[in-house]
Amino acid sequence: MARRILVGVVKSDRMDKTRRVEIERSVRHPKYTKIVRRKTICHVHDENNESKSGDKVEIEESRPLSKLKRWNLVRIIGKNDEAGLPEPHVEAQASQ
């Protein structure tokens, strides 16, 4: 049987070798037919602690590794660019 592969964003990297990945999806409400955003949380095994919070990652389904972990990290698709942003420029008022 083929293993599922999903793409999500790392929301927490506080645990050792474990990442909390959020996968967002859109579903249509059955009664009101409005598109509603839903999210799925997966606990992912990251052996080398490579990924950080905010990274976009690809994960693969695996056998149960612990009480919550059922996924393995395959690769990091995109790094979090928050650290690379320039600081906002604030002009200092000239003293008179």
Protein backbone atom coordinates (compact mmCIF):
# COMPACT_ATOMS: atom_id res chain seq x y z
CA MET A 1 0.00 0.00 0.00
CA ALA A 2 1.32 3.44 -0.95
CA ARG A 3 2.26 5.84 1.83
CA ARG A 4 0.61 9.24 1.85
CA ILE A 5 2.81 12.29 1.28
CA LEU A 6 1.57 15.69 2.47
CA VAL A 7 2.92 19.25 2.56
CA GLY A 8 2.52 21.47 5.60
CA VAL A 9 4.07 24.20 7.75
CA VAL A 10 6.02 23.56 10.96
CA LYS A 11 4.20 25.30 13.81
CA SER A 12 6.28 24.09 16.76
CA ASP A 13 9.86 22.89 17.09
CA ARG A 14 10.13 22.84 20.89
CA MET A 15 10.38 19.05 21.22
CA ASP A 16 13.56 17.08 20.51
CA LYS A 17 13.32 15.19 17.17
CA THR A 18 9.59 15.98 16.91
CA ARG A 19 7.84 18.71 14.92
CA ARG A 20 4.20 19.78 14.99
CA VAL A 21 3.12 20.32 11.37
CA GLU A 22 -0.11 22.06 10.37
CA ILE A 23 -1.77 21.09 7.08
CA GLU A 24 -4.42 23.52 5.88
CA ARG A 25 -7.29 22.50 3.60
CA SER A 26 -10.52 24.03 2.30
CA VAL A 27 -13.84 22.20 2.46
CA ARG A 28 -17.34 23.19 1.42
CA HIS A 29 -19.88 23.36 4.23
CA PRO A 30 -22.60 20.76 3.51
CA LYS A 31 -25.56 22.98 4.36
CA TYR A 32 -24.44 26.55 3.67
CA THR A 33 -22.04 25.74 0.78
CA LYS A 34 -19.52 28.27 2.06
CA ILE A 35 -15.83 27.36 1.70
CA VAL A 36 -14.41 26.82 5.20
CA ARG A 37 -10.72 26.57 6.10
CA ARG A 38 -9.77 23.56 8.23
CA LYS A 39 -6.42 22.42 9.57
CA THR A 40 -4.94 19.06 10.49
CA ILE A 41 -2.14 18.73 13.04
CA CYS A 42 0.48 15.99 12.55
CA HIS A 43 3.38 15.14 14.82
CA VAL A 44 6.41 14.42 12.65
CA HIS A 45 9.71 12.64 13.41
CA ASP A 46 12.69 14.83 12.50
CA GLU A 47 15.78 12.74 13.30
CA ASN A 48 18.40 15.49 12.84
CA ASN A 49 16.35 18.47 14.12
CA GLU A 50 16.74 20.10 10.68
CA SER A 51 13.44 21.96 10.40
CA LYS A 52 12.52 25.11 12.32
CA SER A 53 9.25 26.83 13.08
CA GLY A 54 7.71 28.37 9.93
CA ASP A 55 9.42 26.01 7.44
CA LYS A 56 7.38 24.40 4.69
CA VAL A 57 8.00 20.63 4.78
CA GLU A 58 7.04 17.42 3.02
CA ILE A 59 6.04 14.54 5.31
CA GLU A 60 5.40 10.84 4.73
CA GLU A 61 3.12 8.46 6.58
CA SER A 62 4.91 5.77 8.63
CA ARG A 63 4.33 3.17 11.29
CA PRO A 64 3.51 4.46 14.78
CA LEU A 65 6.71 5.81 16.33
CA SER A 66 5.18 6.95 19.63
CA LYS A 67 1.80 7.81 21.10
CA LEU A 68 1.26 10.71 18.65
CA LYS A 69 3.96 10.41 15.95
CA ARG A 70 2.80 8.73 12.74
CA TRP A 71 4.78 10.75 10.16
CA ASN A 72 8.41 11.13 9.02
CA LEU A 73 10.07 14.24 7.63
CA VAL A 74 11.00 13.71 3.96
CA ARG A 75 12.48 17.09 3.05
CA ILE A 76 12.31 20.81 3.73
CA ILE A 77 10.67 22.60 0.80
CA GLY A 78 11.13 26.18 1.97
CA LYS A 79 12.91 27.84 4.87
CA ASN A 80 11.27 30.45 7.06
CA ASP A 81 12.28 33.86 5.67
CA GLU A 82 11.28 35.79 8.79
CA ALA A 83 14.88 36.07 9.99
CA GLY A 84 16.03 37.54 6.65
CA LEU A 85 13.63 40.49 6.66
CA PRO A 86 15.15 43.92 7.20
CA GLU A 87 14.19 45.77 10.35
CA PRO A 88 11.66 48.59 9.88
CA HIS A 89 13.34 51.95 9.40
CA VAL A 90 12.47 54.49 12.08
CA GLU A 91 13.63 58.05 11.51
CA ALA A 92 15.06 59.73 14.56
CA GLN A 93 13.71 63.18 15.26
CA ALA A 94 16.39 65.85 15.19
CA SER A 95 16.82 67.62 18.50
CA GLN A 96 16.54 71.40 18.23
